[in-house]
Amino acid sequence: MKAYEFPANVTTEGKIELPDVIWQQLANNQQVKVIILVNEPTEEEQEEAAWQRLAADQLLKGYSEDDAIYDTI
């Protein structure tokens, strides 16, 4: 069994784009085994995202319908 490693992107249609060099290595109608490895955010990135969510939640908690009058200024 051969293995090829390369970066790839998932399109907005939900399809994985393979580089042309990989397509050239594959025979038509050949069955392949696919393993997808996805980078996970680091602990620091997760913590930063949590702080940003908390800040946004706290900001919106202080907003009331009475404040909507300032949106038209």
PDB file of N, CA and C in Angstrom:
ATOM      1  N   MET A   1       0.860  -1.172   0.000  1.00  0.00           N
ATOM      2  CA  MET A   1       0.000   0.000   0.000  1.00  0.00           C
ATOM      3  C   MET A   1       0.904   1.232   0.000  1.00  0.00           C
ATOM      4  N   LYS A   2       0.613   2.187  -0.853  1.00  0.00           N
ATOM      5  CA  LYS A   2       1.352   3.449  -0.921  1.00  0.00           C
ATOM      6  C   LYS A   2       0.602   4.510  -0.124  1.00  0.00           C
ATOM      7  N   ALA A   3       1.359   5.470   0.370  1.00  0.00           N
ATOM      8  CA  ALA A   3       0.756   6.588   1.095  1.00  0.00           C
ATOM      9  C   ALA A   3       1.284   7.888   0.511  1.00  0.00           C
ATOM     10  N   TYR A   4       0.398   8.859   0.375  1.00  0.00           N
ATOM     11  CA  TYR A   4       0.758  10.194  -0.102  1.00  0.00           C
ATOM     12  C   TYR A   4       0.333  11.187   0.968  1.00  0.00           C
ATOM     13  N   GLU A   5       1.221  12.091   1.297  1.00  0.00           N
ATOM     14  CA  GLU A   5       0.887  13.119   2.282  1.00  0.00           C
ATOM     15  C   GLU A   5       0.986  14.479   1.617  1.00  0.00           C
ATOM     16  N   PHE A   6      -0.063  15.287   1.789  1.00  0.00           N
ATOM     17  CA  PHE A   6      -0.104  16.611   1.171  1.00  0.00           C
ATOM     18  C   PHE A   6      -1.171  17.438   1.877  1.00  0.00           C
ATOM     19  N   PRO A   7      -1.026  18.756   1.867  1.00  0.00           N
ATOM     20  CA  PRO A   7      -2.087  19.610   2.419  1.00  0.00           C
ATOM     21  C   PRO A   7      -3.224  19.706   1.406  1.00  0.00           C
ATOM     22  N   ALA A   8      -4.429  19.837   1.901  1.00  0.00           N
ATOM     23  CA  ALA A   8      -5.594  19.955   1.024  1.00  0.00           C
ATOM     24  C   ALA A   8      -6.602  20.898   1.663  1.00  0.00           C
ATOM     25  N   ASN A   9      -7.516  21.372   0.846  1.00  0.00           N
ATOM     26  CA  ASN A   9      -8.574  22.260   1.324  1.00  0.00           C
ATOM     27  C   ASN A   9      -9.927  21.616   1.087  1.00  0.00           C
ATOM     28  N   VAL A  10     -10.876  21.951   1.956  1.00  0.00           N
ATOM     29  CA  VAL A  10     -12.257  21.540   1.765  1.00  0.00           C
ATOM     30  C   VAL A  10     -12.975  22.715   1.119  1.00  0.00           C
ATOM     31  N   THR A  11     -13.623  22.466  -0.008  1.00  0.00           N
ATOM     32  CA  THR A  11     -14.312  23.532  -0.727  1.00  0.00           C
ATOM     33  C   THR A  11     -15.611  23.898  -0.020  1.00  0.00           C
ATOM     34  N   THR A  12     -16.228  24.978  -0.457  1.00  0.00           N
ATOM     35  CA  THR A  12     -17.514  25.387   0.121  1.00  0.00           C
ATOM     36  C   THR A  12     -18.604  24.371  -0.186  1.00  0.00           C
ATOM     37  N   GLU A  13     -18.368  23.525  -1.202  1.00  0.00           N
ATOM     38  CA  GLU A  13     -19.321  22.463  -1.534  1.00  0.00           C
ATOM     39  C   GLU A  13     -19.078  21.213  -0.694  1.00  0.00           C
ATOM     40  N   GLY A  14     -18.060  21.258   0.175  1.00  0.00           N
ATOM     41  CA  GLY A  14     -17.769  20.121   1.038  1.00  0.00           C
ATOM     42  C   GLY A  14     -16.917  19.048   0.388  1.00  0.00           C
ATOM     43  N   LYS A  15     -16.188  19.394  -0.657  1.00  0.00           N
ATOM     44  CA  LYS A  15     -15.336  18.428  -1.348  1.00  0.00           C
ATOM     45  C   LYS A  15     -13.873  18.728  -1.043  1.00  0.00           C
ATOM     46  N   ILE A  16     -13.064  17.678  -0.991  1.00  0.00           N
ATOM     47  CA  ILE A  16     -11.636  17.839  -0.741  1.00  0.00           C
ATOM     48  C   ILE A  16     -10.923  17.972  -2.075  1.00  0.00           C
ATOM     49  N   GLU A  17     -10.136  19.035  -2.202  1.00  0.00           N
ATOM     50  CA  GLU A  17      -9.369  19.266  -3.431  1.00  0.00           C
ATOM     51  C   GLU A  17      -8.050  18.510  -3.337  1.00  0.00           C
ATOM     52  N   LEU A  18      -7.765  17.680  -4.336  1.00  0.00           N
ATOM     53  CA  LEU A  18      -6.498  16.961  -4.396  1.00  0.00           C
ATOM     54  C   LEU A  18      -5.576  17.648  -5.391  1.00  0.00           C
ATOM     55  N   PRO A  19      -4.289  17.728  -5.076  1.00  0.00           N
ATOM     56  CA  PRO A  19      -3.341  18.319  -6.027  1.00  0.00           C
ATOM     57  C   PRO A  19      -3.263  17.483  -7.308  1.00  0.00           C
ATOM     58  N   ASP A  20      -2.960  18.135  -8.419  1.00  0.00           N
ATOM     59  CA  ASP A  20      -2.858  17.444  -9.706  1.00  0.00           C
ATOM     60  C   ASP A  20      -1.854  16.306  -9.666  1.00  0.00           C
ATOM     61  N   VAL A  21      -0.756  16.499  -8.962  1.00  0.00           N
ATOM     62  CA  VAL A  21       0.274  15.459  -8.901  1.00  0.00           C
ATOM     63  C   VAL A  21      -0.279  14.171  -8.277  1.00  0.00           C
ATOM     64  N   ILE A  22      -1.229  14.287  -7.381  1.00  0.00           N
ATOM     65  CA  ILE A  22      -1.853  13.103  -6.777  1.00  0.00           C
ATOM     66  C   ILE A  22      -2.791  12.443  -7.777  1.00  0.00           C
ATOM     67  N   TRP A  23      -3.582  13.232  -8.486  1.00  0.00           N
ATOM     68  CA  TRP A  23      -4.487  12.676  -9.498  1.00  0.00           C
ATOM     69  C   TRP A  23      -3.712  11.850 -10.521  1.00  0.00           C
ATOM     70  N   GLN A  24      -2.521  12.288 -10.843  1.00  0.00           N
ATOM     71  CA  GLN A  24      -1.701  11.581 -11.830  1.00  0.00           C
ATOM     72  C   GLN A  24      -1.231  10.224 -11.307  1.00  0.00           C
ATOM     73  N   GLN A  25      -1.191  10.051 -10.002  1.00  0.00           N
ATOM     74  CA  GLN A  25      -0.742   8.795  -9.400  1.00  0.00           C
ATOM     75  C   GLN A  25      -1.868   7.772  -9.246  1.00  0.00           C
ATOM     76  N   LEU A  26      -3.107   8.204  -9.404  1.00  0.00           N
ATOM     77  CA  LEU A  26      -4.254   7.323  -9.167  1.00  0.00           C
ATOM     78  C   LEU A  26      -4.827   6.792 -10.474  1.00  0.00           C
ATOM     79  N   ALA A  27      -5.114   5.506 -10.485  1.00  0.00           N
ATOM     80  CA  ALA A  27      -5.761   4.898 -11.653  1.00  0.00           C
ATOM     81  C   ALA A  27      -7.263   5.156 -11.565  1.00  0.00           C
ATOM     82  N   ASN A  28      -7.906   5.259 -12.712  1.00  0.00           N
ATOM     83  CA  ASN A  28      -9.361   5.447 -12.742  1.00  0.00           C
ATOM     84  C   ASN A  28     -10.058   4.249 -12.101  1.00  0.00           C
ATOM     85  N   ASN A  29     -11.150   4.516 -11.439  1.00  0.00           N
ATOM     86  CA  ASN A  29     -11.975   3.494 -10.788  1.00  0.00           C
ATOM     87  C   ASN A  29     -11.203   2.676  -9.757  1.00  0.00           C
ATOM     88  N   GLN A  30     -10.180   3.247  -9.187  1.00  0.00           N
ATOM     89  CA  GLN A  30      -9.383   2.576  -8.162  1.00  0.00           C
ATOM     90  C   GLN A  30      -9.959   2.913  -6.797  1.00  0.00           C
ATOM     91  N   GLN A  31     -10.127   1.895  -5.966  1.00  0.00           N
ATOM     92  CA  GLN A  31     -10.597   2.145  -4.610  1.00  0.00           C
ATOM     93  C   GLN A  31      -9.409   2.585  -3.763  1.00  0.00           C
ATOM     94  N   VAL A  32      -9.613   3.596  -2.934  1.00  0.00           N
ATOM     95  CA  VAL A  32      -8.552   4.122  -2.073  1.00  0.00           C
ATOM     96  C   VAL A  32      -9.050   4.175  -0.634  1.00  0.00           C
ATOM     97  N   LYS A  33      -8.115   4.169   0.294  1.00  0.00           N
ATOM     98  CA  LYS A  33      -8.432   4.346   1.712  1.00  0.00           C
ATOM     99  C   LYS A  33      -8.065   5.783   2.063  1.00  0.00           C
ATOM    100  N   VAL A  34      -8.957   6.476   2.733  1.00  0.00           N
ATOM    101  CA  VAL A  34      -8.745   7.886   3.052  1.00  0.00           C
ATOM    102  C   VAL A  34      -8.666   8.058   4.565  1.00  0.00           C
ATOM    103  N   ILE A  35      -7.638   8.749   5.003  1.00  0.00           N
ATOM    104  CA  ILE A  35      -7.497   9.135   6.411  1.00  0.00           C
ATOM    105  C   ILE A  35      -7.383  10.653   6.423  1.00  0.00           C
ATOM    106  N   ILE A  36      -8.239  11.312   7.168  1.00  0.00           N
ATOM    107  CA  ILE A  36      -8.234  12.776   7.213  1.00  0.00           C
ATOM    108  C   ILE A  36      -7.725  13.222   8.582  1.00  0.00           C
ATOM    109  N   LEU A  37      -6.665  14.007   8.568  1.00  0.00           N
ATOM    110  CA  LEU A  37      -6.109  14.578   9.788  1.00  0.00           C
ATOM    111  C   LEU A  37      -6.422  16.069   9.788  1.00  0.00           C
ATOM    112  N   VAL A  38      -7.034  16.546  10.850  1.00  0.00           N
ATOM    113  CA  VAL A  38      -7.438  17.943  10.945  1.00  0.00           C
ATOM    114  C   VAL A  38      -6.656  18.598  12.078  1.00  0.00           C
ATOM    115  N   ASN A  39      -6.071  19.752  11.797  1.00  0.00           N
ATOM    116  CA  ASN A  39      -5.371  20.497  12.845  1.00  0.00           C
ATOM    117  C   ASN A  39      -6.376  20.980  13.876  1.00  0.00           C
ATOM    118  N   GLU A  40      -6.052  20.764  15.133  1.00  0.00           N
ATOM    119  CA  GLU A  40      -6.900  21.241  16.213  1.00  0.00           C
ATOM    120  C   GLU A  40      -6.311  22.533  16.757  1.00  0.00           C
ATOM    121  N   PRO A  41      -7.175  23.427  17.222  1.00  0.00           N
ATOM    122  CA  PRO A  41      -6.651  24.668  17.800  1.00  0.00           C
ATOM    123  C   PRO A  41      -5.828  24.356  19.050  1.00  0.00           C
ATOM    124  N   THR A  42      -4.805  25.161  19.263  1.00  0.00           N
ATOM    125  CA  THR A  42      -3.982  24.988  20.458  1.00  0.00           C
ATOM    126  C   THR A  42      -4.779  25.416  21.684  1.00  0.00           C
ATOM    127  N   GLU A  43      -4.276  25.059  22.845  1.00  0.00           N
ATOM    128  CA  GLU A  43      -4.943  25.454  24.089  1.00  0.00           C
ATOM    129  C   GLU A  43      -5.022  26.976  24.183  1.00  0.00           C
ATOM    130  N   GLU A  44      -3.964  27.649  23.739  1.00  0.00           N
ATOM    131  CA  GLU A  44      -3.937  29.116  23.768  1.00  0.00           C
ATOM    132  C   GLU A  44      -5.009  29.695  22.839  1.00  0.00           C
ATOM    133  N   GLU A  45      -5.171  29.119  21.655  1.00  0.00           N
ATOM    134  CA  GLU A  45      -6.191  29.597  20.712  1.00  0.00           C
ATOM    135  C   GLU A  45      -7.594  29.353  21.258  1.00  0.00           C
ATOM    136  N   GLN A  46      -7.799  28.204  21.910  1.00  0.00           N
ATOM    137  CA  GLN A  46      -9.106  27.914  22.503  1.00  0.00           C
ATOM    138  C   GLN A  46      -9.425  28.893  23.626  1.00  0.00           C
ATOM    139  N   GLU A  47      -8.417  29.204  24.437  1.00  0.00           N
ATOM    140  CA  GLU A  47      -8.619  30.145  25.542  1.00  0.00           C
ATOM    141  C   GLU A  47      -8.932  31.542  25.009  1.00  0.00           C
ATOM    142  N   GLU A  48      -8.220  31.968  23.970  1.00  0.00           N
ATOM    143  CA  GLU A  48      -8.464  33.284  23.368  1.00  0.00           C
ATOM    144  C   GLU A  48      -9.886  33.361  22.814  1.00  0.00           C
ATOM    145  N   ALA A  49     -10.333  32.298  22.150  1.00  0.00           N
ATOM    146  CA  ALA A  49     -11.690  32.269  21.603  1.00  0.00           C
ATOM    147  C   ALA A  49     -12.726  32.332  22.724  1.00  0.00           C
ATOM    148  N   ALA A  50     -12.466  31.638  23.826  1.00  0.00           N
ATOM    149  CA  ALA A  50     -13.391  31.665  24.964  1.00  0.00           C
ATOM    150  C   ALA A  50     -13.482  33.068  25.551  1.00  0.00           C
ATOM    151  N   TRP A  51     -12.347  33.758  25.678  1.00  0.00           N
ATOM    152  CA  TRP A  51     -12.355  35.130  26.194  1.00  0.00           C
ATOM    153  C   TRP A  51     -13.127  36.054  25.257  1.00  0.00           C
ATOM    154  N   GLN A  52     -12.973  35.876  23.963  1.00  0.00           N
ATOM    155  CA  GLN A  52     -13.687  36.718  23.002  1.00  0.00           C
ATOM    156  C   GLN A  52     -15.192  36.482  23.084  1.00  0.00           C
ATOM    157  N   ARG A  53     -15.601  35.210  23.233  1.00  0.00           N
ATOM    158  CA  ARG A  53     -17.035  34.913  23.381  1.00  0.00           C
ATOM    159  C   ARG A  53     -17.580  35.546  24.653  1.00  0.00           C
ATOM    160  N   LEU A  54     -16.822  35.427  25.752  1.00  0.00           N
ATOM    161  CA  LEU A  54     -17.252  36.003  27.023  1.00  0.00           C
ATOM    162  C   LEU A  54     -17.392  37.516  26.912  1.00  0.00           C
ATOM    163  N   ALA A  55     -16.423  38.171  26.283  1.00  0.00           N
ATOM    164  CA  ALA A  55     -16.478  39.626  26.127  1.00  0.00           C
ATOM    165  C   ALA A  55     -17.699  40.034  25.310  1.00  0.00           C
ATOM    166  N   ALA A  56     -17.970  39.314  24.230  1.00  0.00           N
ATOM    167  CA  ALA A  56     -19.130  39.636  23.394  1.00  0.00           C
ATOM    168  C   ALA A  56     -20.426  39.415  24.167  1.00  0.00           C
ATOM    169  N   ASP A  57     -20.512  38.310  24.913  1.00  0.00           N
ATOM    170  CA  ASP A  57     -21.711  38.031  25.710  1.00  0.00           C
ATOM    171  C   ASP A  57     -21.941  39.119  26.752  1.00  0.00           C
ATOM    172  N   GLN A  58     -20.879  39.532  27.436  1.00  0.00           N
ATOM    173  CA  GLN A  58     -21.001  40.553  28.468  1.00  0.00           C
ATOM    174  C   GLN A  58     -21.409  41.899  27.869  1.00  0.00           C
ATOM    175  N   LEU A  59     -20.864  42.224  26.707  1.00  0.00           N
ATOM    176  CA  LEU A  59     -21.214  43.471  26.042  1.00  0.00           C
ATOM    177  C   LEU A  59     -22.698  43.482  25.684  1.00  0.00           C
ATOM    178  N   LEU A  60     -23.180  42.375  25.127  1.00  0.00           N
ATOM    179  CA  LEU A  60     -24.582  42.316  24.714  1.00  0.00           C
ATOM    180  C   LEU A  60     -25.533  42.266  25.907  1.00  0.00           C
ATOM    181  N   LYS A  61     -25.082  41.758  27.044  1.00  0.00           N
ATOM    182  CA  LYS A  61     -25.928  41.748  28.241  1.00  0.00           C
ATOM    183  C   LYS A  61     -26.266  43.164  28.682  1.00  0.00           C
ATOM    184  N   GLY A  62     -25.350  44.099  28.464  1.00  0.00           N
ATOM    185  CA  GLY A  62     -25.566  45.477  28.880  1.00  0.00           C
ATOM    186  C   GLY A  62     -26.409  46.273  27.901  1.00  0.00           C
ATOM    187  N   TYR A  63     -26.782  45.684  26.771  1.00  0.00           N
ATOM    188  CA  TYR A  63     -27.556  46.377  25.740  1.00  0.00           C
ATOM    189  C   TYR A  63     -29.032  46.095  25.962  1.00  0.00           C
ATOM    190  N   SER A  64     -29.846  47.134  25.977  1.00  0.00           N
ATOM    191  CA  SER A  64     -31.287  46.935  26.127  1.00  0.00           C
ATOM    192  C   SER A  64     -32.000  47.564  24.938  1.00  0.00           C
ATOM    193  N   GLU A  65     -33.277  47.297  24.817  1.00  0.00           N
ATOM    194  CA  GLU A  65     -34.077  47.863  23.723  1.00  0.00           C
ATOM    195  C   GLU A  65     -34.098  49.389  23.791  1.00  0.00           C
ATOM    196  N   ASP A  66     -33.991  49.932  24.997  1.00  0.00           N
ATOM    197  CA  ASP A  66     -33.966  51.389  25.149  1.00  0.00           C
ATOM    198  C   ASP A  66     -32.739  52.005  24.476  1.00  0.00           C
ATOM    199  N   ASP A  67     -31.675  51.244  24.360  1.00  0.00           N
ATOM    200  CA  ASP A  67     -30.452  51.738  23.724  1.00  0.00           C
ATOM    201  C   ASP A  67     -30.579  51.820  22.202  1.00  0.00           C
ATOM    202  N   ALA A  68     -31.612  51.223  21.639  1.00  0.00           N
ATOM    203  CA  ALA A  68     -31.779  51.215  20.185  1.00  0.00           C
ATOM    204  C   ALA A  68     -31.938  52.625  19.629  1.00  0.00           C
ATOM    205  N   ILE A  69     -32.370  53.557  20.446  1.00  0.00           N
ATOM    206  CA  ILE A  69     -32.530  54.938  19.989  1.00  0.00           C
ATOM    207  C   ILE A  69     -31.202  55.516  19.506  1.00  0.00           C
ATOM    208  N   TYR A  70     -30.098  55.067  20.088  1.00  0.00           N
ATOM    209  CA  TYR A  70     -28.783  55.576  19.693  1.00  0.00           C
ATOM    210  C   TYR A  70     -28.318  55.011  18.353  1.00  0.00           C
ATOM    211  N   ASP A  71     -28.939  53.948  17.888  1.00  0.00           N
ATOM    212  CA  ASP A  71     -28.561  53.348  16.603  1.00  0.00           C
ATOM    213  C   ASP A  71     -28.946  54.237  15.430  1.00  0.00           C
ATOM    214  N   THR A  72     -29.878  55.153  15.629  1.00  0.00           N
ATOM    215  CA  THR A  72     -30.347  56.013  14.538  1.00  0.00           C
ATOM    216  C   THR A  72     -29.595  57.330  14.463  1.00  0.00           C
ATOM    217  N   ILE A  73     -28.683  57.549  15.372  1.00  0.00           N
ATOM    218  CA  ILE A  73     -27.932  58.818  15.388  1.00  0.00           C
ATOM    219  C   ILE A  73     -26.860  58.799  14.336  1.00  0.00           C
TER     220      ILE A  73
END
